[in-house]
N, C-alpha and C. Protein backbone atom coordinates (compact mmCIF):
# COMPACT_ATOMS: atom_id res chain seq x y z
N MET A 1 71.15 -61.71 -32.75
CA MET A 1 70.38 -60.50 -32.80
C MET A 1 70.76 -59.52 -31.69
N LYS A 2 71.49 -60.01 -30.72
CA LYS A 2 71.83 -59.18 -29.57
C LYS A 2 72.61 -57.94 -29.99
N TYR A 3 73.48 -58.08 -30.94
CA TYR A 3 74.35 -56.96 -31.34
C TYR A 3 73.91 -56.32 -32.66
N PHE A 4 72.72 -56.66 -33.17
CA PHE A 4 72.28 -56.13 -34.45
C PHE A 4 72.18 -54.60 -34.42
N GLY A 5 71.67 -54.04 -33.34
CA GLY A 5 71.59 -52.58 -33.21
C GLY A 5 72.96 -51.94 -33.27
N PHE A 6 73.93 -52.54 -32.61
CA PHE A 6 75.29 -51.99 -32.62
C PHE A 6 75.90 -52.10 -34.01
N ILE A 7 75.62 -53.19 -34.72
CA ILE A 7 76.13 -53.35 -36.08
C ILE A 7 75.56 -52.25 -36.98
N LEU A 8 74.27 -51.94 -36.83
CA LEU A 8 73.67 -50.85 -37.60
C LEU A 8 74.34 -49.51 -37.28
N ILE A 9 74.67 -49.31 -36.01
CA ILE A 9 75.33 -48.07 -35.58
C ILE A 9 76.72 -47.97 -36.19
N VAL A 10 77.46 -49.06 -36.22
CA VAL A 10 78.80 -49.05 -36.82
C VAL A 10 78.70 -48.75 -38.32
N ILE A 11 77.73 -49.36 -38.99
CA ILE A 11 77.53 -49.07 -40.42
C ILE A 11 77.20 -47.59 -40.62
N CYS A 12 76.36 -47.05 -39.75
CA CYS A 12 76.05 -45.61 -39.79
C CYS A 12 77.32 -44.79 -39.67
N GLY A 13 78.17 -45.12 -38.69
CA GLY A 13 79.43 -44.39 -38.50
C GLY A 13 80.33 -44.48 -39.71
N ILE A 14 80.35 -45.63 -40.37
CA ILE A 14 81.17 -45.79 -41.57
C ILE A 14 80.66 -44.89 -42.69
N PHE A 15 79.34 -44.87 -42.91
CA PHE A 15 78.79 -43.99 -43.95
C PHE A 15 79.03 -42.52 -43.62
N TYR A 16 78.87 -42.14 -42.34
CA TYR A 16 79.15 -40.76 -41.95
C TYR A 16 80.61 -40.41 -42.23
N THR A 17 81.51 -41.32 -41.91
CA THR A 17 82.94 -41.07 -42.12
C THR A 17 83.26 -40.90 -43.60
N ILE A 18 82.73 -41.78 -44.43
CA ILE A 18 82.98 -41.65 -45.87
C ILE A 18 82.36 -40.36 -46.39
N GLY A 19 81.18 -40.01 -45.87
CA GLY A 19 80.56 -38.75 -46.23
C GLY A 19 81.40 -37.56 -45.82
N ASP A 20 82.00 -37.62 -44.63
CA ASP A 20 82.89 -36.55 -44.18
C ASP A 20 84.10 -36.40 -45.10
N VAL A 21 84.66 -37.54 -45.51
CA VAL A 21 85.81 -37.51 -46.42
C VAL A 21 85.40 -36.90 -47.76
N ALA A 22 84.22 -37.27 -48.25
CA ALA A 22 83.73 -36.69 -49.51
C ALA A 22 83.56 -35.19 -49.38
N MET A 23 83.03 -34.73 -48.25
CA MET A 23 82.85 -33.29 -48.05
C MET A 23 84.20 -32.57 -47.93
N LYS A 24 85.17 -33.21 -47.31
CA LYS A 24 86.51 -32.61 -47.22
C LYS A 24 87.09 -32.48 -48.63
N LYS A 25 86.92 -33.51 -49.45
CA LYS A 25 87.40 -33.43 -50.83
C LYS A 25 86.64 -32.36 -51.61
N TRP A 26 85.34 -32.20 -51.32
CA TRP A 26 84.54 -31.17 -51.98
C TRP A 26 85.08 -29.77 -51.65
N ILE A 27 85.56 -29.58 -50.46
CA ILE A 27 86.13 -28.28 -50.06
C ILE A 27 87.36 -27.96 -50.91
N THR A 28 88.21 -28.95 -51.14
CA THR A 28 89.44 -28.71 -51.89
C THR A 28 89.23 -28.77 -53.40
N HIS A 29 88.23 -29.54 -53.85
CA HIS A 29 87.91 -29.68 -55.28
C HIS A 29 86.40 -29.54 -55.44
N PRO A 30 85.90 -28.30 -55.37
CA PRO A 30 84.45 -28.12 -55.35
C PRO A 30 83.75 -28.51 -56.65
N THR A 31 83.06 -29.64 -56.60
CA THR A 31 82.21 -30.07 -57.71
C THR A 31 80.87 -30.48 -57.11
N ILE A 32 79.83 -30.31 -57.88
CA ILE A 32 78.50 -30.66 -57.40
C ILE A 32 78.39 -32.16 -57.14
N GLY A 33 79.10 -32.96 -57.92
CA GLY A 33 79.08 -34.42 -57.73
C GLY A 33 79.63 -34.84 -56.39
N MET A 34 80.73 -34.22 -55.97
CA MET A 34 81.33 -34.57 -54.68
C MET A 34 80.42 -34.13 -53.53
N TYR A 35 79.81 -32.97 -53.69
CA TYR A 35 78.89 -32.47 -52.67
C TYR A 35 77.68 -33.40 -52.54
N LEU A 36 77.11 -33.78 -53.66
CA LEU A 36 75.95 -34.68 -53.64
C LEU A 36 76.32 -36.07 -53.11
N THR A 37 77.51 -36.53 -53.43
CA THR A 37 77.98 -37.82 -52.90
C THR A 37 78.06 -37.77 -51.38
N GLY A 38 78.66 -36.72 -50.85
CA GLY A 38 78.76 -36.58 -49.40
C GLY A 38 77.38 -36.53 -48.75
N GLY A 39 76.48 -35.75 -49.32
CA GLY A 39 75.13 -35.66 -48.78
C GLY A 39 74.39 -36.98 -48.83
N LEU A 40 74.52 -37.70 -49.94
CA LEU A 40 73.88 -39.00 -50.08
C LEU A 40 74.41 -39.99 -49.03
N LEU A 41 75.72 -39.97 -48.80
CA LEU A 41 76.30 -40.86 -47.80
C LEU A 41 75.79 -40.54 -46.40
N TYR A 42 75.61 -39.24 -46.10
CA TYR A 42 75.03 -38.85 -44.81
C TYR A 42 73.60 -39.38 -44.67
N VAL A 43 72.81 -39.27 -45.73
CA VAL A 43 71.42 -39.74 -45.69
C VAL A 43 71.37 -41.26 -45.50
N ILE A 44 72.24 -41.97 -46.19
CA ILE A 44 72.28 -43.43 -46.02
C ILE A 44 72.65 -43.77 -44.58
N GLY A 45 73.66 -43.08 -44.05
CA GLY A 45 74.06 -43.31 -42.66
C GLY A 45 72.93 -43.01 -41.69
N MET A 46 72.19 -41.94 -41.95
CA MET A 46 71.07 -41.58 -41.08
C MET A 46 70.00 -42.66 -41.08
N ASN A 47 69.80 -43.32 -42.21
CA ASN A 47 68.83 -44.41 -42.28
C ASN A 47 69.26 -45.59 -41.40
N PHE A 48 70.54 -45.92 -41.43
CA PHE A 48 71.03 -46.99 -40.54
C PHE A 48 70.84 -46.60 -39.08
N LEU A 49 71.10 -45.33 -38.77
CA LEU A 49 70.91 -44.86 -37.39
C LEU A 49 69.44 -44.96 -37.00
N ALA A 50 68.56 -44.53 -37.88
CA ALA A 50 67.13 -44.58 -37.58
C ALA A 50 66.67 -46.03 -37.32
N PHE A 51 67.14 -46.97 -38.11
CA PHE A 51 66.76 -48.37 -37.89
C PHE A 51 67.35 -48.92 -36.59
N SER A 52 68.49 -48.38 -36.17
CA SER A 52 69.09 -48.84 -34.92
C SER A 52 68.24 -48.45 -33.71
N TYR A 53 67.37 -47.44 -33.86
CA TYR A 53 66.50 -47.03 -32.75
C TYR A 53 65.52 -48.13 -32.35
N ARG A 54 65.29 -49.08 -33.22
CA ARG A 54 64.43 -50.22 -32.87
C ARG A 54 65.09 -51.10 -31.82
N TYR A 55 66.41 -51.05 -31.75
CA TYR A 55 67.16 -51.96 -30.88
C TYR A 55 67.87 -51.25 -29.74
N LYS A 56 68.06 -49.95 -29.88
CA LYS A 56 68.81 -49.18 -28.88
C LYS A 56 68.04 -47.94 -28.48
N ASN A 57 68.31 -47.47 -27.30
CA ASN A 57 67.81 -46.19 -26.84
C ASN A 57 68.32 -45.10 -27.78
N ILE A 58 67.48 -44.13 -28.13
CA ILE A 58 67.85 -43.11 -29.12
C ILE A 58 69.10 -42.33 -28.70
N ALA A 59 69.20 -41.98 -27.43
CA ALA A 59 70.35 -41.21 -26.97
C ALA A 59 71.64 -42.04 -27.04
N ILE A 60 71.55 -43.28 -26.65
CA ILE A 60 72.73 -44.17 -26.67
C ILE A 60 73.13 -44.45 -28.12
N ALA A 61 72.16 -44.74 -28.97
CA ALA A 61 72.46 -45.05 -30.37
C ALA A 61 73.14 -43.86 -31.05
N THR A 62 72.61 -42.67 -30.84
CA THR A 62 73.19 -41.48 -31.46
C THR A 62 74.59 -41.22 -30.93
N ALA A 63 74.78 -41.35 -29.63
CA ALA A 63 76.11 -41.14 -29.05
C ALA A 63 77.11 -42.15 -29.59
N LEU A 64 76.70 -43.41 -29.69
CA LEU A 64 77.59 -44.44 -30.21
C LEU A 64 77.96 -44.17 -31.67
N CYS A 65 77.00 -43.73 -32.46
CA CYS A 65 77.27 -43.42 -33.87
C CYS A 65 78.30 -42.30 -33.98
N VAL A 66 78.14 -41.27 -33.17
CA VAL A 66 79.09 -40.15 -33.19
C VAL A 66 80.48 -40.62 -32.75
N ILE A 67 80.53 -41.46 -31.74
CA ILE A 67 81.82 -41.96 -31.25
C ILE A 67 82.51 -42.81 -32.32
N VAL A 68 81.75 -43.69 -32.97
CA VAL A 68 82.33 -44.50 -34.05
C VAL A 68 82.86 -43.59 -35.15
N ASN A 69 82.09 -42.57 -35.50
CA ASN A 69 82.51 -41.61 -36.53
C ASN A 69 83.79 -40.89 -36.13
N ILE A 70 83.89 -40.47 -34.89
CA ILE A 70 85.09 -39.77 -34.42
C ILE A 70 86.31 -40.68 -34.48
N ILE A 71 86.15 -41.92 -34.05
CA ILE A 71 87.27 -42.86 -34.07
C ILE A 71 87.73 -43.10 -35.51
N LEU A 72 86.78 -43.35 -36.40
CA LEU A 72 87.15 -43.59 -37.80
C LEU A 72 87.74 -42.35 -38.45
N LEU A 73 87.19 -41.18 -38.15
CA LEU A 73 87.76 -39.94 -38.71
C LEU A 73 89.17 -39.68 -38.20
N THR A 74 89.43 -40.04 -36.97
CA THR A 74 90.78 -39.88 -36.42
C THR A 74 91.76 -40.75 -37.20
N ILE A 75 91.37 -41.97 -37.47
CA ILE A 75 92.24 -42.88 -38.23
C ILE A 75 92.43 -42.37 -39.65
N VAL A 76 91.34 -41.96 -40.30
CA VAL A 76 91.41 -41.47 -41.68
C VAL A 76 92.23 -40.19 -41.77
N SER A 77 92.01 -39.27 -40.83
CA SER A 77 92.76 -38.01 -40.89
C SER A 77 94.25 -38.23 -40.72
N TRP A 78 94.61 -39.21 -39.90
CA TRP A 78 96.03 -39.49 -39.68
C TRP A 78 96.62 -40.27 -40.86
N ALA A 79 95.93 -41.33 -41.29
CA ALA A 79 96.48 -42.22 -42.31
C ALA A 79 96.33 -41.67 -43.72
N TYR A 80 95.20 -41.07 -44.04
CA TYR A 80 94.94 -40.65 -45.41
C TYR A 80 95.32 -39.19 -45.66
N PHE A 81 94.91 -38.32 -44.75
CA PHE A 81 95.19 -36.89 -44.94
C PHE A 81 96.51 -36.45 -44.32
N LYS A 82 97.18 -37.37 -43.62
CA LYS A 82 98.49 -37.11 -42.99
C LYS A 82 98.43 -35.94 -42.00
N GLU A 83 97.30 -35.82 -41.30
CA GLU A 83 97.15 -34.77 -40.29
C GLU A 83 97.69 -35.30 -38.96
N PRO A 84 98.55 -34.55 -38.31
CA PRO A 84 99.13 -35.03 -37.05
C PRO A 84 98.10 -35.05 -35.92
N LEU A 85 98.31 -35.95 -34.98
CA LEU A 85 97.45 -36.06 -33.80
C LEU A 85 98.27 -35.76 -32.56
N THR A 86 97.70 -34.98 -31.67
CA THR A 86 98.39 -34.66 -30.42
C THR A 86 98.10 -35.76 -29.39
N VAL A 87 98.87 -35.77 -28.34
CA VAL A 87 98.66 -36.73 -27.26
C VAL A 87 97.27 -36.51 -26.65
N LYS A 88 96.89 -35.26 -26.50
CA LYS A 88 95.58 -34.92 -25.95
C LYS A 88 94.45 -35.51 -26.81
N GLN A 89 94.60 -35.43 -28.13
CA GLN A 89 93.59 -35.99 -29.03
C GLN A 89 93.55 -37.51 -28.94
N LEU A 90 94.71 -38.14 -28.84
CA LEU A 90 94.76 -39.59 -28.71
C LEU A 90 94.12 -40.06 -27.40
N ILE A 91 94.32 -39.29 -26.34
CA ILE A 91 93.68 -39.62 -25.06
C ILE A 91 92.16 -39.50 -25.21
N GLY A 92 91.70 -38.48 -25.93
CA GLY A 92 90.28 -38.32 -26.17
C GLY A 92 89.70 -39.50 -26.93
N VAL A 93 90.42 -40.00 -27.92
CA VAL A 93 89.96 -41.18 -28.68
C VAL A 93 89.93 -42.40 -27.76
N ALA A 94 90.92 -42.54 -26.90
CA ALA A 94 90.93 -43.66 -25.96
C ALA A 94 89.71 -43.60 -25.04
N PHE A 95 89.36 -42.40 -24.58
CA PHE A 95 88.15 -42.26 -23.77
C PHE A 95 86.89 -42.60 -24.57
N SER A 96 86.91 -42.27 -25.86
CA SER A 96 85.77 -42.61 -26.72
C SER A 96 85.60 -44.12 -26.83
N ILE A 97 86.71 -44.81 -26.98
CA ILE A 97 86.66 -46.27 -27.05
C ILE A 97 86.14 -46.84 -25.74
N ALA A 98 86.59 -46.27 -24.62
CA ALA A 98 86.09 -46.72 -23.32
C ALA A 98 84.59 -46.44 -23.20
N ALA A 99 84.14 -45.32 -23.75
CA ALA A 99 82.71 -44.98 -23.70
C ALA A 99 81.88 -46.02 -24.46
N ILE A 100 82.40 -46.53 -25.55
CA ILE A 100 81.65 -47.56 -26.29
C ILE A 100 81.41 -48.77 -25.39
N PHE A 101 82.42 -49.18 -24.67
CA PHE A 101 82.26 -50.34 -23.78
C PHE A 101 81.28 -50.04 -22.64
N LEU A 102 81.32 -48.81 -22.15
CA LEU A 102 80.42 -48.45 -21.07
C LEU A 102 78.97 -48.31 -21.55
N LEU A 103 78.78 -47.77 -22.74
CA LEU A 103 77.42 -47.58 -23.27
C LEU A 103 76.84 -48.86 -23.85
N GLU A 104 77.68 -49.72 -24.34
CA GLU A 104 77.20 -50.95 -24.98
C GLU A 104 77.03 -51.99 -23.89
């Protein structure tokens, strides 16, 4: 149970990331279904975040969720969307990973 709050936060970050990808696809192929899918994924992610507040400080839980989302989006943008990453951006992601260890 020690890491249950963090597991909820990671799940939240995953849903946010998939929601972000759905919204990016909605921008390029605007359909109401894609928009609603992205919104639904955000709402599901928000529920996981809300439940994580039982186990984590609200500020820490929210920051961790955003950091997980940023790390996953960085991977998805590079691997799936073929968007290049600068050294500066990679250093920022490395600091984000370090922040997870410091906050957790």
